[in-house]
Protein backbone atom coordinates (compact mmCIF):
# COMPACT_ATOMS: atom_id res chain seq x y z
CA MET A 1 -8.46 -19.57 -21.14
CA TYR A 2 -8.03 -17.58 -17.95
CA TYR A 3 -6.51 -18.44 -14.62
CA ASN A 4 -8.55 -19.82 -11.73
CA GLN A 5 -6.89 -19.45 -8.42
CA HIS A 6 -9.45 -21.60 -6.66
CA LYS A 7 -7.49 -24.64 -7.92
CA MET A 8 -4.74 -23.89 -5.35
CA LYS A 9 -4.73 -26.10 -2.31
CA LYS A 10 -3.42 -23.71 0.34
CA THR A 11 -5.76 -22.87 3.23
CA VAL A 12 -7.19 -19.56 4.10
CA ASN A 13 -4.72 -19.04 6.92
CA ASP A 14 -1.80 -19.02 4.41
CA TYR A 15 -3.00 -15.80 2.73
CA VAL A 16 -2.89 -12.14 3.93
CA ILE A 17 -4.91 -10.91 0.85
CA GLU A 18 -7.81 -12.73 -0.64
CA VAL A 19 -9.73 -11.57 -3.67
CA LYS A 20 -12.80 -13.65 -4.50
CA GLU A 21 -14.66 -13.36 -7.76
CA VAL A 22 -14.24 -9.56 -7.84
CA THR A 23 -15.97 -7.63 -10.66
CA LYS A 24 -15.77 -3.78 -11.09
CA VAL A 25 -18.07 -1.99 -13.55
CA PHE A 26 -17.91 1.71 -14.11
CA LYS A 27 -21.33 3.29 -15.05
CA PRO A 28 -21.21 6.77 -16.72
CA LEU A 29 -22.89 9.48 -14.68
CA ASP A 30 -24.12 11.59 -17.59
CA PHE A 31 -26.95 11.78 -20.13
CA TRP A 32 -24.85 10.77 -23.12
CA LYS A 33 -25.75 7.10 -22.72
CA ARG A 34 -22.15 5.97 -22.95
CA GLU A 35 -21.59 2.26 -22.51
CA ARG A 36 -20.49 1.00 -19.10
CA VAL A 37 -16.91 -0.15 -18.67
CA GLN A 38 -16.06 -3.46 -17.05
CA ALA A 39 -12.63 -2.81 -15.65
CA ILE A 40 -12.36 -6.15 -13.66
CA ASP A 41 -14.04 -9.29 -14.59
CA SER A 42 -14.49 -12.14 -11.87
CA VAL A 43 -10.96 -11.89 -10.56
CA SER A 44 -9.86 -14.26 -7.84
CA LEU A 45 -6.28 -13.90 -6.36
CA ASN A 46 -4.46 -14.88 -3.16
CA ILE A 47 -1.33 -13.37 -1.86
CA GLU A 48 0.86 -15.19 0.68
CA LYS A 49 2.52 -13.74 3.80
CA GLY A 50 5.94 -12.41 3.28
CA GLU A 51 6.09 -12.59 -0.46
CA ILE A 52 6.80 -9.99 -3.09
CA PHE A 53 4.00 -10.27 -5.62
CA GLY A 54 4.05 -8.57 -8.98
CA LEU A 55 0.97 -7.74 -11.10
CA LEU A 56 1.75 -7.29 -14.80
CA GLY A 57 -0.44 -6.23 -17.65
CA LEU A 58 -0.65 -3.94 -20.64
CA ASN A 59 -1.89 -0.35 -20.20
CA GLY A 60 -5.62 -0.48 -19.44
CA ALA A 61 -5.54 -4.11 -18.27
CA GLY A 62 -7.17 -3.18 -14.91
CA LYS A 63 -4.10 -3.33 -12.65
CA THR A 64 -4.54 -0.01 -10.81
CA THR A 65 -8.31 -0.56 -10.61
CA LEU A 66 -7.75 -3.93 -8.98
CA MET A 67 -5.32 -2.49 -6.48
CA LYS A 68 -7.76 0.31 -5.55
CA VAL A 69 -10.51 -2.28 -5.02
CA ILE A 70 -8.25 -4.36 -2.78
CA LEU A 71 -7.38 -1.21 -0.78
CA GLY A 72 -11.04 -0.23 -0.42
CA LEU A 73 -10.55 2.97 -2.47
CA LEU A 74 -13.14 1.64 -5.00
CA LYS A 75 -16.15 -0.54 -4.08
CA PRO A 76 -16.41 -3.80 -6.12
CA THR A 77 -19.62 -4.30 -8.11
CA LYS A 78 -19.46 -8.00 -7.13
CA GLY A 79 -17.21 -10.22 -5.11
CA HIS A 80 -15.25 -9.89 -1.91
CA VAL A 81 -11.84 -8.71 -0.67
CA SER A 82 -10.22 -9.41 2.71
CA ILE A 83 -6.88 -8.44 4.15
CA LEU A 84 -5.40 -10.25 7.10
CA GLY A 85 -8.74 -12.18 7.25
CA ARG A 86 -10.87 -9.03 7.71
CA PRO A 87 -12.61 -6.49 5.46
CA VAL A 88 -10.27 -3.72 4.35
CA THR A 89 -12.77 -1.16 5.75
CA ASP A 90 -11.86 -2.44 9.22
CA GLY A 91 -9.83 0.34 10.96
CA ALA A 92 -7.51 -2.19 12.50
CA VAL A 93 -6.62 -3.50 8.96
CA ARG A 94 -6.04 -0.08 7.54
CA CYS A 95 -3.48 0.63 10.20
CA ARG A 96 -1.44 -2.41 9.00
CA ILE A 97 -1.18 -1.56 5.35
CA GLY A 98 0.81 1.11 3.47
CA TYR A 99 0.01 2.51 0.01
CA HIS A 100 2.29 4.30 -2.43
CA SER A 101 0.32 5.65 -5.35
CA GLU A 102 1.63 6.12 -8.93
CA LEU A 103 3.11 9.59 -9.41
CA PRO A 104 2.73 10.77 -5.78
CA TYR A 105 2.29 14.49 -5.26
CA PHE A 106 3.78 16.42 -2.34
CA PRO A 107 3.65 20.23 -1.89
CA LYS A 108 7.01 21.48 -3.27
CA TYR A 109 7.51 24.06 -0.44
CA LEU A 110 7.44 21.34 2.31
CA LYS A 111 10.40 19.30 3.54
CA ALA A 112 10.45 15.49 3.71
CA ALA A 113 10.44 15.49 7.50
CA GLU A 114 7.36 17.77 7.53
CA ILE A 115 5.40 15.47 5.16
CA LEU A 116 6.20 12.38 7.15
CA SER A 117 5.24 14.15 10.33
CA TYR A 118 1.88 14.93 8.86
CA PHE A 119 1.25 11.31 7.93
CA ALA A 120 2.59 10.02 11.29
CA ASP A 121 -0.03 12.20 12.97
CA ILE A 122 -2.77 10.69 10.78
CA PHE A 123 -1.82 7.28 12.06
CA GLY A 124 -1.60 8.53 15.59
CA LEU A 125 1.99 7.72 16.20
CA PRO A 126 3.19 8.77 19.69
CA GLN A 127 5.01 12.11 19.74
CA LYS A 128 7.89 10.65 21.75
CA THR A 129 8.65 8.04 19.08
CA LYS A 130 7.59 9.94 15.88
CA LYS A 131 10.92 11.64 15.39
CA ALA A 132 12.80 8.38 15.58
CA GLY A 133 10.29 6.69 13.28
CA ILE A 134 10.66 9.40 10.69
CA ALA A 135 14.43 9.21 10.82
CA GLU A 136 14.25 5.35 10.45
CA VAL A 137 12.08 5.37 7.26
CA LEU A 138 14.15 8.11 5.67
CA GLU A 139 17.27 6.13 6.28
CA LEU A 140 15.62 3.00 4.91
CA VAL A 141 14.83 4.81 1.65
CA GLY A 142 18.10 6.57 1.44
CA LEU A 143 16.83 10.06 2.19
CA LYS A 144 18.21 10.61 5.65
CA ASN A 145 20.48 13.47 4.56
CA LYS A 146 17.57 15.11 2.69
CA ALA A 147 15.10 15.26 5.60
CA ASN A 148 15.15 19.06 5.72
CA THR A 149 15.42 19.66 1.97
CA ARG A 150 12.33 21.12 0.35
CA ILE A 151 10.58 18.85 -2.18
CA LYS A 152 11.14 21.25 -5.01
CA GLY A 153 14.83 20.29 -4.90
CA TYR A 154 14.08 16.56 -5.21
CA SER A 155 14.62 14.52 -8.37
CA LYS A 156 12.01 12.09 -9.70
CA GLY A 157 13.69 9.17 -8.04
CA MET A 158 13.88 11.00 -4.68
CA GLN A 159 10.19 11.87 -4.79
CA GLU A 160 9.35 8.18 -5.43
CA ARG A 161 11.46 7.18 -2.50
CA LEU A 162 9.75 9.83 -0.38
CA GLY A 163 6.46 8.20 -1.47
CA MET A 164 7.80 4.90 -0.25
CA ALA A 165 8.73 6.43 3.12
CA GLN A 166 5.20 7.90 3.40
CA ALA A 167 3.76 4.41 2.87
CA LEU A 168 6.11 2.96 5.56
CA ILE A 169 5.62 5.59 8.26
CA ASN A 170 3.04 3.30 10.16
CA ASP A 171 5.32 0.21 9.84
CA PRO A 172 2.74 -1.76 7.85
CA ASP A 173 2.62 -5.51 7.49
CA ILE A 174 1.63 -5.22 3.86
CA LEU A 175 2.84 -2.68 1.35
CA PHE A 176 0.94 -1.73 -1.80
CA LEU A 177 2.87 -0.01 -4.57
CA ASP A 178 1.36 1.27 -7.84
CA GLU A 179 3.98 1.54 -10.52
CA PRO A 180 6.80 2.37 -8.09
CA MET A 181 9.41 2.53 -10.93
CA SER A 182 7.45 4.62 -13.32
CA GLY A 183 9.55 7.27 -14.99
CA LEU A 184 12.79 6.28 -13.21
CA ASP A 185 16.21 6.01 -14.70
CA PRO A 186 18.41 2.82 -14.26
CA MET A 187 19.80 4.14 -11.00
CA GLY A 188 16.29 4.72 -9.76
CA TYR A 189 15.36 1.10 -10.67
CA LYS A 190 18.29 -0.13 -8.57
CA GLU A 191 17.44 2.11 -5.63
CA THR A 192 13.81 0.98 -5.57
CA ARG A 193 14.77 -2.65 -6.06
CA ASP A 194 17.15 -2.55 -3.12
CA ILE A 195 14.44 -0.97 -0.92
CA LEU A 196 11.98 -3.65 -1.79
CA LEU A 197 14.32 -6.42 -0.96
CA ARG A 198 15.34 -4.85 2.30
CA LEU A 199 11.70 -4.50 3.28
CA ASN A 200 11.04 -8.08 2.34
CA LYS A 201 13.88 -9.23 4.56
CA ARG A 202 12.08 -7.48 7.33
CA GLY A 203 9.09 -9.67 6.82
CA LYS A 204 6.90 -7.23 4.77
CA THR A 205 4.45 -8.47 2.25
CA ILE A 206 4.68 -6.48 -1.02
CA PHE A 207 2.11 -6.23 -3.71
CA PHE A 208 2.97 -4.07 -6.64
CA ASN A 209 1.87 -3.21 -10.20
CA SER A 210 4.54 -2.70 -12.87
CA HIS A 211 5.30 -2.85 -16.49
CA ILE A 212 9.06 -2.94 -15.91
CA LEU A 213 9.48 -6.60 -16.67
CA SER A 214 13.26 -6.86 -15.88
CA GLU A 215 12.73 -5.45 -12.43
CA VAL A 216 9.74 -7.73 -11.71
CA GLU A 217 11.91 -10.66 -12.69
CA ARG A 218 14.61 -9.57 -10.23
CA VAL A 219 12.55 -9.09 -7.09
CA CYS A 220 9.26 -11.02 -7.24
CA ASP A 221 8.51 -14.42 -5.73
CA ARG A 222 5.28 -14.76 -7.76
CA VAL A 223 3.78 -12.96 -10.68
CA ALA A 224 0.27 -12.52 -12.16
CA VAL A 225 -0.55 -11.34 -15.62
CA MET A 226 -3.78 -9.32 -16.01
CA HIS A 227 -5.40 -8.98 -19.46
CA LYS A 228 -8.60 -7.08 -20.27
CA GLY A 229 -9.72 -7.17 -16.58
CA LYS A 230 -9.04 -10.81 -16.08
CA ILE A 231 -6.22 -12.75 -14.44
CA ALA A 232 -4.69 -14.61 -17.29
CA ASP A 233 -1.98 -16.52 -15.36
CA VAL A 234 -0.29 -16.75 -11.97
CA ARG A 235 2.95 -18.56 -11.26
CA SER A 236 6.20 -18.51 -9.31
CA ALA A 237 9.31 -16.64 -10.57
CA ALA A 238 11.24 -19.92 -10.33
CA GLU A 239 8.77 -21.66 -12.66
CA ILE A 240 8.81 -18.77 -15.07
CA LYS A 241 12.59 -18.96 -15.27
CA ARG A 242 12.56 -22.71 -15.66
CA LYS A 243 9.81 -22.83 -18.35
CA TYR A 244 10.16 -19.52 -20.22
CA LYS A 245 13.85 -18.49 -19.36
CA ASN A 246 12.87 -14.87 -18.79
CA MET A 247 9.98 -12.61 -17.79
CA GLU A 248 9.54 -10.91 -21.20
CA LYS A 249 8.98 -14.23 -22.97
CA TYR A 250 6.62 -15.37 -20.24
CA PHE A 251 4.62 -12.14 -20.35
CA MET A 252 4.31 -12.00 -24.13
CA THR A 253 3.38 -15.64 -24.37
CA VAL A 254 0.60 -15.24 -21.70
CA VAL A 255 -0.81 -12.00 -23.31
CA LYS A 256 -0.83 -13.54 -26.71
CA LYS A 257 -2.63 -16.61 -25.55
CA ALA A 258 -5.18 -14.54 -23.53
CA GLY A 259 -5.83 -12.37 -26.55
CA GLU A 260 -6.66 -15.43 -28.63
CA SER A 261 -9.11 -16.92 -26.17
């Protein structure tokens, strides 16, 4: 049995992200007659303003594909997605979201300040405030003293934090993070966790994919589990703790049940 978010009683105005019956099918573009792949199957999901929402799932569950559909990077085969009540293709909406991809790549010869200046120009930030904006996001992610250090001298954790800074340069209302803790050591987990909590205190809505269950448990207000392209369950962190004691037990229970249905 899979989760149906339509049962929830909140009104449209309570949500900043709405996913309605979204399906995504990939059709091979070759002559080998390979079977099509249904990566997302009739997914409905609503994200509330100001919450930290975690999307969990095994590898290949469809987490990254769903995020890319929500962001408009992939077109859904069926269904509809809206952000802040409007289509994500709306330019005004795009200016209010930030996206940090998994394993971000930045040219090693550039400095952090140069990279952020480039993205600030893309968003049309005024020149008179751009320098202060770059300094602010670098301080927020703990890279203020590394602004003029070339990326080739950055650790994995520092590169992840730079990716976070890039996603924040336009001061977005909603932040999308694809596996922001992938490949990090325990110190990197803590640094990323602290950044997420600071951003949330500033009123940011945060939607992120992860398989680091312990960190999801520490920061998320609500969690969804995705299994084989479907949403298997959605519930609050408080309810998970009360009913299942910890995130690992919750996740394993939901995945096992979904696999049996």
